[in-house]
């Protein structure tokens, strides 16, 4: 599939435009982890976790279907 890390970065940039900072702090709050664990889990040298890939797919579908 496409580069998950690039797609994840695009999602964070898009969230920043829609709702303010698309930060690891916000992601950590939503998923119940610490910002440091989000940063560690999403390092480019590691496979992107399933929860992050799911969030990318949901974000991309939402943008495709709802944002003009």
Protein backbone atom coordinates (compact mmCIF):
# COMPACT_ATOMS: atom_id res chain seq x y z
CA UNK A 1 0.00 0.00 0.00
CA UNK A 2 0.98 3.66 -0.07
CA UNK A 3 3.53 5.10 2.32
CA UNK A 4 1.66 5.00 5.63
CA UNK A 5 4.02 7.43 7.33
CA UNK A 6 3.49 10.07 4.65
CA UNK A 7 -0.26 9.55 4.80
CA UNK A 8 -0.13 9.86 8.61
CA UNK A 9 1.77 13.16 8.31
CA UNK A 10 -0.76 14.39 5.74
CA UNK A 11 -3.58 13.51 8.13
CA UNK A 12 -1.94 15.45 10.96
CA UNK A 13 -1.46 18.47 8.67
CA UNK A 14 -5.09 18.23 7.56
CA UNK A 15 -6.35 18.01 11.12
CA UNK A 16 -4.29 21.07 11.97
CA UNK A 17 -6.14 23.00 9.23
CA UNK A 18 -9.56 21.73 10.32
CA UNK A 19 -9.32 21.82 14.10
CA UNK A 20 -6.10 23.42 15.18
CA UNK A 21 -2.97 21.51 16.05
CA UNK A 22 -3.00 17.91 14.85
CA UNK A 23 -0.51 16.96 17.51
CA UNK A 24 0.65 13.83 19.24
CA UNK A 25 -0.88 15.31 22.40
CA UNK A 26 -4.34 15.29 20.85
CA UNK A 27 -3.89 11.83 19.38
CA UNK A 28 -2.65 10.52 22.75
CA UNK A 29 -5.67 11.97 24.52
CA UNK A 30 -8.06 10.34 22.06
CA UNK A 31 -6.47 6.88 22.18
CA UNK A 32 -5.53 6.92 25.87
CA UNK A 33 -1.75 6.91 25.50
CA UNK A 34 0.97 9.40 26.27
CA UNK A 35 2.29 11.80 23.64
CA UNK A 36 5.69 10.12 23.97
CA UNK A 37 4.20 6.71 23.18
CA UNK A 38 2.46 8.12 20.09
CA UNK A 39 5.72 9.70 18.94
CA UNK A 40 7.61 6.45 19.55
CA UNK A 41 4.99 4.28 17.82
CA UNK A 42 4.88 6.46 14.72
CA UNK A 43 8.62 6.79 14.09
CA UNK A 44 9.46 6.37 10.39
CA UNK A 45 11.83 3.49 11.14
CA UNK A 46 8.94 1.43 12.57
CA UNK A 47 5.88 -0.01 10.93
CA UNK A 48 2.94 2.31 11.52
CA UNK A 49 0.61 0.74 14.12
CA UNK A 50 -2.80 -0.54 13.10
CA UNK A 51 -4.60 2.16 15.10
CA UNK A 52 -2.69 4.82 13.15
CA UNK A 53 -3.42 3.18 9.80
CA UNK A 54 -7.10 2.98 10.70
CA UNK A 55 -7.15 6.66 11.61
CA UNK A 56 -5.51 7.53 8.27
CA UNK A 57 -8.09 5.55 6.29
CA UNK A 58 -11.01 7.05 8.23
CA UNK A 59 -9.60 10.57 7.83
CA UNK A 60 -9.04 10.12 4.09
CA UNK A 61 -12.56 8.77 3.57
CA UNK A 62 -14.08 11.58 5.62
CA UNK A 63 -12.21 14.22 3.61
CA UNK A 64 -13.14 12.54 0.34
CA UNK A 65 -16.83 12.37 1.22
CA UNK A 66 -17.43 15.53 3.25
CA UNK A 67 -14.89 18.26 2.53
CA UNK A 68 -15.20 20.14 -0.71
